[in-house]
Amino acid sequence: MMTEQLAEAGMLLGVGMTVVFAFLTLLIGGIHSIAWLSNLFPYPESTSRKNSRPTYKQNKKNDSTTTTVDPNIVAAISAAVNAHRRKS
């Protein structure tokens, strides 16, 4: 009775580890093939993506090297912080 259970447990262990190993091997192979294909056929850069970064303006006063953030960005961040504080 005990040897039958040990044999069944060993069989389940072997099957489970084989399935996990096969799945992880296929997953890693799939990720590597997607990376290879994306390097082979790169996505063309769009012009809207290049301009999506915020713009910073240099202050010309007193020859300082400080930068100012666009007021629209400051307003958006302030609105988001106020909305978050009202939620809590």
PDB file of N, CA and C in Angstrom:
ATOM      1  N   MET A   1       0.827  -1.185   0.000  1.00  0.00           N
ATOM      2  CA  MET A   1       0.000   0.000   0.000  1.00  0.00           C
ATOM      3  C   MET A   1       0.877   1.257   0.000  1.00  0.00           C
ATOM      4  N   MET A   2       1.861   1.320   0.885  1.00  0.00           N
ATOM      5  CA  MET A   2       2.723   2.488   0.989  1.00  0.00           C
ATOM      6  C   MET A   2       3.589   2.642  -0.245  1.00  0.00           C
ATOM      7  N   THR A   3       4.091   1.551  -0.800  1.00  0.00           N
ATOM      8  CA  THR A   3       4.921   1.634  -2.002  1.00  0.00           C
ATOM      9  C   THR A   3       4.108   2.090  -3.196  1.00  0.00           C
ATOM     10  N   GLU A   4       2.843   1.719  -3.262  1.00  0.00           N
ATOM     11  CA  GLU A   4       1.992   2.169  -4.370  1.00  0.00           C
ATOM     12  C   GLU A   4       1.788   3.686  -4.300  1.00  0.00           C
ATOM     13  N   GLN A   5       1.591   4.206  -3.097  1.00  0.00           N
ATOM     14  CA  GLN A   5       1.403   5.646  -2.935  1.00  0.00           C
ATOM     15  C   GLN A   5       2.694   6.407  -3.255  1.00  0.00           C
ATOM     16  N   LEU A   6       3.830   5.854  -2.838  1.00  0.00           N
ATOM     17  CA  LEU A   6       5.108   6.487  -3.156  1.00  0.00           C
ATOM     18  C   LEU A   6       5.371   6.467  -4.661  1.00  0.00           C
ATOM     19  N   ALA A   7       5.005   5.380  -5.311  1.00  0.00           N
ATOM     20  CA  ALA A   7       5.184   5.291  -6.756  1.00  0.00           C
ATOM     21  C   ALA A   7       4.281   6.303  -7.467  1.00  0.00           C
ATOM     22  N   GLU A   8       3.041   6.412  -6.976  1.00  0.00           N
ATOM     23  CA  GLU A   8       2.115   7.384  -7.575  1.00  0.00           C
ATOM     24  C   GLU A   8       2.588   8.822  -7.321  1.00  0.00           C
ATOM     25  N   ALA A   9       3.100   9.083  -6.132  1.00  0.00           N
ATOM     26  CA  ALA A   9       3.621  10.425  -5.828  1.00  0.00           C
ATOM     27  C   ALA A   9       4.829  10.736  -6.699  1.00  0.00           C
ATOM     28  N   GLY A  10       5.702   9.753  -6.895  1.00  0.00           N
ATOM     29  CA  GLY A  10       6.857   9.960  -7.772  1.00  0.00           C
ATOM     30  C   GLY A  10       6.434  10.225  -9.201  1.00  0.00           C
ATOM     31  N   MET A  11       5.419   9.504  -9.656  1.00  0.00           N
ATOM     32  CA  MET A  11       4.912   9.704 -11.020  1.00  0.00           C
ATOM     33  C   MET A  11       4.317  11.111 -11.165  1.00  0.00           C
ATOM     34  N   LEU A  12       3.526  11.536 -10.178  1.00  0.00           N
ATOM     35  CA  LEU A  12       2.951  12.888 -10.226  1.00  0.00           C
ATOM     36  C   LEU A  12       4.041  13.950 -10.184  1.00  0.00           C
ATOM     37  N   LEU A  13       5.063  13.718  -9.375  1.00  0.00           N
ATOM     38  CA  LEU A  13       6.187  14.653  -9.311  1.00  0.00           C
ATOM     39  C   LEU A  13       6.880  14.756 -10.656  1.00  0.00           C
ATOM     40  N   GLY A  14       7.139  13.626 -11.277  1.00  0.00           N
ATOM     41  CA  GLY A  14       7.807  13.624 -12.580  1.00  0.00           C
ATOM     42  C   GLY A  14       6.981  14.303 -13.658  1.00  0.00           C
ATOM     43  N   VAL A  15       5.692  13.989 -13.699  1.00  0.00           N
ATOM     44  CA  VAL A  15       4.813  14.592 -14.714  1.00  0.00           C
ATOM     45  C   VAL A  15       4.686  16.101 -14.477  1.00  0.00           C
ATOM     46  N   GLY A  16       4.505  16.501 -13.229  1.00  0.00           N
ATOM     47  CA  GLY A  16       4.359  17.931 -12.924  1.00  0.00           C
ATOM     48  C   GLY A  16       5.606  18.720 -13.266  1.00  0.00           C
ATOM     49  N   MET A  17       6.758  18.203 -12.904  1.00  0.00           N
ATOM     50  CA  MET A  17       7.997  18.924 -13.204  1.00  0.00           C
ATOM     51  C   MET A  17       8.267  18.947 -14.705  1.00  0.00           C
ATOM     52  N   THR A  18       7.911  17.880 -15.409  1.00  0.00           N
ATOM     53  CA  THR A  18       8.081  17.860 -16.857  1.00  0.00           C
ATOM     54  C   THR A  18       7.181  18.897 -17.526  1.00  0.00           C
ATOM     55  N   VAL A  19       5.945  18.991 -17.065  1.00  0.00           N
ATOM     56  CA  VAL A  19       5.019  19.975 -17.640  1.00  0.00           C
ATOM     57  C   VAL A  19       5.512  21.398 -17.373  1.00  0.00           C
ATOM     58  N   VAL A  20       5.955  21.679 -16.161  1.00  0.00           N
ATOM     59  CA  VAL A  20       6.453  23.017 -15.829  1.00  0.00           C
ATOM     60  C   VAL A  20       7.698  23.330 -16.647  1.00  0.00           C
ATOM     61  N   PHE A  21       8.616  22.380 -16.753  1.00  0.00           N
ATOM     62  CA  PHE A  21       9.835  22.606 -17.524  1.00  0.00           C
ATOM     63  C   PHE A  21       9.509  22.854 -19.001  1.00  0.00           C
ATOM     64  N   ALA A  22       8.582  22.079 -19.563  1.00  0.00           N
ATOM     65  CA  ALA A  22       8.198  22.266 -20.967  1.00  0.00           C
ATOM     66  C   ALA A  22       7.542  23.634 -21.172  1.00  0.00           C
ATOM     67  N   PHE A  23       6.669  24.025 -20.239  1.00  0.00           N
ATOM     68  CA  PHE A  23       6.002  25.317 -20.365  1.00  0.00           C
ATOM     69  C   PHE A  23       7.006  26.460 -20.308  1.00  0.00           C
ATOM     70  N   LEU A  24       7.926  26.409 -19.343  1.00  0.00           N
ATOM     71  CA  LEU A  24       8.909  27.486 -19.226  1.00  0.00           C
ATOM     72  C   LEU A  24       9.846  27.519 -20.433  1.00  0.00           C
ATOM     73  N   THR A  25      10.199  26.359 -20.965  1.00  0.00           N
ATOM     74  CA  THR A  25      11.035  26.313 -22.164  1.00  0.00           C
ATOM     75  C   THR A  25      10.315  26.950 -23.350  1.00  0.00           C
ATOM     76  N   LEU A  26       9.044  26.617 -23.528  1.00  0.00           N
ATOM     77  CA  LEU A  26       8.264  27.228 -24.615  1.00  0.00           C
ATOM     78  C   LEU A  26       8.103  28.733 -24.404  1.00  0.00           C
ATOM     79  N   LEU A  27       7.900  29.144 -23.167  1.00  0.00           N
ATOM     80  CA  LEU A  27       7.740  30.569 -22.876  1.00  0.00           C
ATOM     81  C   LEU A  27       9.009  31.342 -23.197  1.00  0.00           C
ATOM     82  N   ILE A  28      10.151  30.834 -22.765  1.00  0.00           N
ATOM     83  CA  ILE A  28      11.421  31.503 -23.047  1.00  0.00           C
ATOM     84  C   ILE A  28      11.705  31.496 -24.542  1.00  0.00           C
ATOM     85  N   GLY A  29      11.424  30.384 -25.208  1.00  0.00           N
ATOM     86  CA  GLY A  29      11.608  30.324 -26.665  1.00  0.00           C
ATOM     87  C   GLY A  29      10.712  31.323 -27.384  1.00  0.00           C
ATOM     88  N   GLY A  30       9.472  31.453 -26.928  1.00  0.00           N
ATOM     89  CA  GLY A  30       8.559  32.419 -27.533  1.00  0.00           C
ATOM     90  C   GLY A  30       9.019  33.850 -27.336  1.00  0.00           C
ATOM     91  N   ILE A  31       9.509  34.152 -26.146  1.00  0.00           N
ATOM     92  CA  ILE A  31       9.997  35.511 -25.883  1.00  0.00           C
ATOM     93  C   ILE A  31      11.218  35.818 -26.750  1.00  0.00           C
ATOM     94  N   HIS A  32      12.127  34.849 -26.867  1.00  0.00           N
ATOM     95  CA  HIS A  32      13.310  35.072 -27.698  1.00  0.00           C
ATOM     96  C   HIS A  32      12.929  35.215 -29.179  1.00  0.00           C
ATOM     97  N   SER A  33      11.948  34.450 -29.641  1.00  0.00           N
ATOM     98  CA  SER A  33      11.551  34.578 -31.047  1.00  0.00           C
ATOM     99  C   SER A  33      10.856  35.914 -31.313  1.00  0.00           C
ATOM    100  N   ILE A  34      10.066  36.392 -30.361  1.00  0.00           N
ATOM    101  CA  ILE A  34       9.435  37.709 -30.521  1.00  0.00           C
ATOM    102  C   ILE A  34      10.492  38.805 -30.533  1.00  0.00           C
ATOM    103  N   ALA A  35      11.500  38.688 -29.669  1.00  0.00           N
ATOM    104  CA  ALA A  35      12.582  39.683 -29.656  1.00  0.00           C
ATOM    105  C   ALA A  35      13.352  39.640 -30.964  1.00  0.00           C
ATOM    106  N   TRP A  36      13.599  38.444 -31.484  1.00  0.00           N
ATOM    107  CA  TRP A  36      14.319  38.320 -32.752  1.00  0.00           C
ATOM    108  C   TRP A  36      13.508  38.935 -33.887  1.00  0.00           C
ATOM    109  N   LEU A  37      12.195  38.668 -33.906  1.00  0.00           N
ATOM    110  CA  LEU A  37      11.348  39.236 -34.952  1.00  0.00           C
ATOM    111  C   LEU A  37      11.236  40.755 -34.839  1.00  0.00           C
ATOM    112  N   SER A  38      11.169  41.265 -33.602  1.00  0.00           N
ATOM    113  CA  SER A  38      11.065  42.722 -33.459  1.00  0.00           C
ATOM    114  C   SER A  38      12.368  43.406 -33.856  1.00  0.00           C
ATOM    115  N   ASN A  39      13.508  42.745 -33.697  1.00  0.00           N
ATOM    116  CA  ASN A  39      14.760  43.312 -34.184  1.00  0.00           C
ATOM    117  C   ASN A  39      14.869  43.195 -35.700  1.00  0.00           C
ATOM    118  N   LEU A  40      14.272  42.144 -36.248  1.00  0.00           N
ATOM    119  CA  LEU A  40      14.312  41.940 -37.691  1.00  0.00           C
ATOM    120  C   LEU A  40      13.408  42.939 -38.415  1.00  0.00           C
ATOM    121  N   PHE A  41      12.232  43.196 -37.867  1.00  0.00           N
ATOM    122  CA  PHE A  41      11.269  44.137 -38.447  1.00  0.00           C
ATOM    123  C   PHE A  41      10.955  45.229 -37.424  1.00  0.00           C
ATOM    124  N   PRO A  42      11.810  46.240 -37.272  1.00  0.00           N
ATOM    125  CA  PRO A  42      11.559  47.273 -36.258  1.00  0.00           C
ATOM    126  C   PRO A  42      10.358  48.120 -36.630  1.00  0.00           C
ATOM    127  N   TYR A  43       9.649  48.581 -35.614  1.00  0.00           N
ATOM    128  CA  TYR A  43       8.489  49.438 -35.811  1.00  0.00           C
ATOM    129  C   TYR A  43       8.974  50.833 -36.196  1.00  0.00           C
ATOM    130  N   PRO A  44       8.414  51.421 -37.254  1.00  0.00           N
ATOM    131  CA  PRO A  44       8.884  52.758 -37.652  1.00  0.00           C
ATOM    132  C   PRO A  44       8.516  53.804 -36.607  1.00  0.00           C
ATOM    133  N   GLU A  45       9.431  54.706 -36.358  1.00  0.00           N
ATOM    134  CA  GLU A  45       9.195  55.766 -35.389  1.00  0.00           C
ATOM    135  C   GLU A  45       8.202  56.774 -35.974  1.00  0.00           C
ATOM    136  N   SER A  46       7.255  57.174 -35.166  1.00  0.00           N
ATOM    137  CA  SER A  46       6.303  58.181 -35.621  1.00  0.00           C
ATOM    138  C   SER A  46       6.752  59.548 -35.120  1.00  0.00           C
ATOM    139  N   THR A  47       6.311  60.593 -35.793  1.00  0.00           N
ATOM    140  CA  THR A  47       6.725  61.941 -35.406  1.00  0.00           C
ATOM    141  C   THR A  47       6.036  62.379 -34.129  1.00  0.00           C
ATOM    142  N   SER A  48       4.838  61.849 -33.842  1.00  0.00           N
ATOM    143  CA  SER A  48       4.140  62.271 -32.629  1.00  0.00           C
ATOM    144  C   SER A  48       4.814  61.705 -31.392  1.00  0.00           C
ATOM    145  N   ARG A  49       5.497  60.578 -31.514  1.00  0.00           N
ATOM    146  CA  ARG A  49       6.181  59.996 -30.369  1.00  0.00           C
ATOM    147  C   ARG A  49       7.412  60.805 -29.979  1.00  0.00           C
ATOM    148  N   LYS A  50       8.059  61.412 -30.955  1.00  0.00           N
ATOM    149  CA  LYS A  50       9.266  62.178 -30.665  1.00  0.00           C
ATOM    150  C   LYS A  50       8.937  63.443 -29.883  1.00  0.00           C
ATOM    151  N   ASN A  51       7.759  64.002 -30.116  1.00  0.00           N
ATOM    152  CA  ASN A  51       7.391  65.264 -29.474  1.00  0.00           C
ATOM    153  C   ASN A  51       6.550  65.060 -28.221  1.00  0.00           C
ATOM    154  N   SER A  52       6.483  63.841 -27.706  1.00  0.00           N
ATOM    155  CA  SER A  52       5.617  63.585 -26.566  1.00  0.00           C
ATOM    156  C   SER A  52       6.279  63.928 -25.235  1.00  0.00           C
ATOM    157  N   ARG A  53       7.553  64.269 -25.226  1.00  0.00           N
ATOM    158  CA  ARG A  53       8.240  64.615 -23.988  1.00  0.00           C
ATOM    159  C   ARG A  53       7.917  66.055 -23.611  1.00  0.00           C
ATOM    160  N   PRO A  54       7.878  66.362 -22.316  1.00  0.00           N
ATOM    161  CA  PRO A  54       7.606  67.743 -21.903  1.00  0.00           C
ATOM    162  C   PRO A  54       8.752  68.661 -22.286  1.00  0.00           C
ATOM    163  N   THR A  55       8.383  69.883 -22.559  1.00  0.00           N
ATOM    164  CA  THR A  55       9.404  70.861 -22.954  1.00  0.00           C
ATOM    165  C   THR A  55       9.793  71.703 -21.745  1.00  0.00           C
ATOM    166  N   TYR A  56      11.065  72.018 -21.654  1.00  0.00           N
ATOM    167  CA  TYR A  56      11.588  72.842 -20.583  1.00  0.00           C
ATOM    168  C   TYR A  56      12.176  74.104 -21.188  1.00  0.00           C
ATOM    169  N   LYS A  57      11.963  75.220 -20.500  1.00  0.00           N
ATOM    170  CA  LYS A  57      12.459  76.499 -20.991  1.00  0.00           C
ATOM    171  C   LYS A  57      13.546  76.993 -20.059  1.00  0.00           C
ATOM    172  N   GLN A  58      14.596  77.532 -20.635  1.00  0.00           N
ATOM    173  CA  GLN A  58      15.689  78.091 -19.837  1.00  0.00           C
ATOM    174  C   GLN A  58      15.317  79.506 -19.394  1.00  0.00           C
ATOM    175  N   ASN A  59      15.590  79.805 -18.139  1.00  0.00           N
ATOM    176  CA  ASN A  59      15.426  81.177 -17.652  1.00  0.00           C
ATOM    177  C   ASN A  59      16.638  81.988 -18.073  1.00  0.00           C
ATOM    178  N   LYS A  60      16.426  83.149 -18.629  1.00  0.00           N
ATOM    179  CA  LYS A  60      17.531  84.004 -19.057  1.00  0.00           C
ATOM    180  C   LYS A  60      17.912  85.016 -17.983  1.00  0.00           C
ATOM    181  N   LYS A  61      17.191  85.033 -16.862  1.00  0.00           N
ATOM    182  CA  LYS A  61      17.464  86.006 -15.815  1.00  0.00           C
ATOM    183  C   LYS A  61      18.704  85.602 -15.032  1.00  0.00           C
ATOM    184  N   ASN A  62      19.559  86.529 -14.746  1.00  0.00           N
ATOM    185  CA  ASN A  62      20.724  86.374 -13.868  1.00  0.00           C
ATOM    186  C   ASN A  62      21.670  85.263 -14.300  1.00  0.00           C
ATOM    187  N   ASP A  63      21.681  84.883 -15.538  1.00  0.00           N
ATOM    188  CA  ASP A  63      22.564  83.830 -16.058  1.00  0.00           C
ATOM    189  C   ASP A  63      22.491  82.532 -15.245  1.00  0.00           C
ATOM    190  N   SER A  64      21.354  82.248 -14.676  1.00  0.00           N
ATOM    191  CA  SER A  64      21.238  81.016 -13.883  1.00  0.00           C
ATOM    192  C   SER A  64      20.936  79.843 -14.821  1.00  0.00           C
ATOM    193  N   THR A  65      21.215  78.658 -14.360  1.00  0.00           N
ATOM    194  CA  THR A  65      20.986  77.462 -15.180  1.00  0.00           C
ATOM    195  C   THR A  65      19.716  76.737 -14.765  1.00  0.00           C
ATOM    196  N   THR A  66      18.818  77.421 -14.071  1.00  0.00           N
ATOM    197  CA  THR A  66      17.569  76.781 -13.662  1.00  0.00           C
ATOM    198  C   THR A  66      16.631  76.682 -14.850  1.00  0.00           C
ATOM    199  N   THR A  67      15.776  75.689 -14.805  1.00  0.00           N
ATOM    200  CA  THR A  67      14.786  75.503 -15.865  1.00  0.00           C
ATOM    201  C   THR A  67      13.399  75.630 -15.268  1.00  0.00           C
ATOM    202  N   THR A  68      12.467  76.046 -16.096  1.00  0.00           N
ATOM    203  CA  THR A  68      11.080  76.131 -15.660  1.00  0.00           C
ATOM    204  C   THR A  68      10.259  75.131 -16.464  1.00  0.00           C
ATOM    205  N   VAL A  69       9.255  74.608 -15.833  1.00  0.00           N
ATOM    206  CA  VAL A  69       8.375  73.636 -16.471  1.00  0.00           C
ATOM    207  C   VAL A  69       7.215  74.381 -17.096  1.00  0.00           C
ATOM    208  N   ASP A  70       6.717  73.838 -18.196  1.00  0.00           N
ATOM    209  CA  ASP A  70       5.572  74.422 -18.890  1.00  0.00           C
ATOM    210  C   ASP A  70       4.405  74.580 -17.906  1.00  0.00           C
ATOM    211  N   PRO A  71       3.755  75.737 -17.860  1.00  0.00           N
ATOM    212  CA  PRO A  71       2.647  75.950 -16.906  1.00  0.00           C
ATOM    213  C   PRO A  71       1.488  74.968 -17.090  1.00  0.00           C
ATOM    214  N   ASN A  72       1.273  74.477 -18.295  1.00  0.00           N
ATOM    215  CA  ASN A  72       0.207  73.495 -18.507  1.00  0.00           C
ATOM    216  C   ASN A  72       0.511  72.193 -17.772  1.00  0.00           C
ATOM    217  N   ILE A  73       1.777  71.825 -17.729  1.00  0.00           N
ATOM    218  CA  ILE A  73       2.162  70.605 -17.025  1.00  0.00           C
ATOM    219  C   ILE A  73       1.994  70.799 -15.530  1.00  0.00           C
ATOM    220  N   VAL A  74       2.368  71.949 -15.026  1.00  0.00           N
ATOM    221  CA  VAL A  74       2.198  72.239 -13.599  1.00  0.00           C
ATOM    222  C   VAL A  74       0.718  72.198 -13.226  1.00  0.00           C
ATOM    223  N   ALA A  75      -0.133  72.752 -14.079  1.00  0.00           N
ATOM    224  CA  ALA A  75      -1.574  72.752 -13.803  1.00  0.00           C
ATOM    225  C   ALA A  75      -2.125  71.323 -13.802  1.00  0.00           C
ATOM    226  N   ALA A  76      -1.661  70.491 -14.724  1.00  0.00           N
ATOM    227  CA  ALA A  76      -2.143  69.107 -14.782  1.00  0.00           C
ATOM    228  C   ALA A  76      -1.704  68.328 -13.547  1.00  0.00           C
ATOM    229  N   ILE A  77      -0.468  68.525 -13.109  1.00  0.00           N
ATOM    230  CA  ILE A  77       0.022  67.824 -11.920  1.00  0.00           C
ATOM    231  C   ILE A  77      -0.726  68.307 -10.676  1.00  0.00           C
ATOM    232  N   SER A  78      -0.955  69.606 -10.573  1.00  0.00           N
ATOM    233  CA  SER A  78      -1.689  70.147  -9.426  1.00  0.00           C
ATOM    234  C   SER A  78      -3.107  69.608  -9.368  1.00  0.00           C
ATOM    235  N   ALA A  79      -3.759  69.525 -10.515  1.00  0.00           N
ATOM    236  CA  ALA A  79      -5.120  68.986 -10.547  1.00  0.00           C
ATOM    237  C   ALA A  79      -5.140  67.519 -10.143  1.00  0.00           C
ATOM    238  N   ALA A  80      -4.148  66.765 -10.582  1.00  0.00           N
ATOM    239  CA  ALA A  80      -4.090  65.351 -10.216  1.00  0.00           C
ATOM    240  C   ALA A  80      -3.848  65.173  -8.724  1.00  0.00           C
ATOM    241  N   VAL A  81      -2.964  65.975  -8.143  1.00  0.00           N
ATOM    242  CA  VAL A  81      -2.690  65.883  -6.703  1.00  0.00           C
ATOM    243  C   VAL A  81      -3.934  66.262  -5.916  1.00  0.00           C
ATOM    244  N   ASN A  82      -4.633  67.325  -6.318  1.00  0.00           N
ATOM    245  CA  ASN A  82      -5.845  67.734  -5.616  1.00  0.00           C
ATOM    246  C   ASN A  82      -6.931  66.675  -5.708  1.00  0.00           C
ATOM    247  N   ALA A  83      -7.068  66.039  -6.880  1.00  0.00           N
ATOM    248  CA  ALA A  83      -8.061  64.982  -7.025  1.00  0.00           C
ATOM    249  C   ALA A  83      -7.710  63.789  -6.157  1.00  0.00           C
ATOM    250  N   HIS A  84      -6.446  63.469  -6.046  1.00  0.00           N
ATOM    251  CA  HIS A  84      -6.019  62.348  -5.206  1.00  0.00           C
ATOM    252  C   HIS A  84      -6.273  62.644  -3.733  1.00  0.00           C
ATOM    253  N   ARG A  85      -6.005  63.876  -3.322  1.00  0.00           N
ATOM    254  CA  ARG A  85      -6.224  64.245  -1.920  1.00  0.00           C
ATOM    255  C   ARG A  85      -7.710  64.243  -1.557  1.00  0.00           C
ATOM    256  N   ARG A  86      -8.556  64.627  -2.506  1.00  0.00           N
ATOM    257  CA  ARG A  86      -9.997  64.604  -2.250  1.00  0.00           C
ATOM    258  C   ARG A  86     -10.516  63.177  -2.117  1.00  0.00           C
ATOM    259  N   LYS A  87      -9.902  62.221  -2.843  1.00  0.00           N
ATOM    260  CA  LYS A  87     -10.320  60.827  -2.776  1.00  0.00           C
ATOM    261  C   LYS A  87     -10.030  60.212  -1.412  1.00  0.00           C
ATOM    262  N   SER A  88      -8.880  60.536  -0.848  1.00  0.00           N
ATOM    263  CA  SER A  88      -8.427  59.892   0.398  1.00  0.00           C
ATOM    264  C   SER A  88      -9.194  60.335   1.605  1.00  0.00           C
TER     265      SER A  88
END
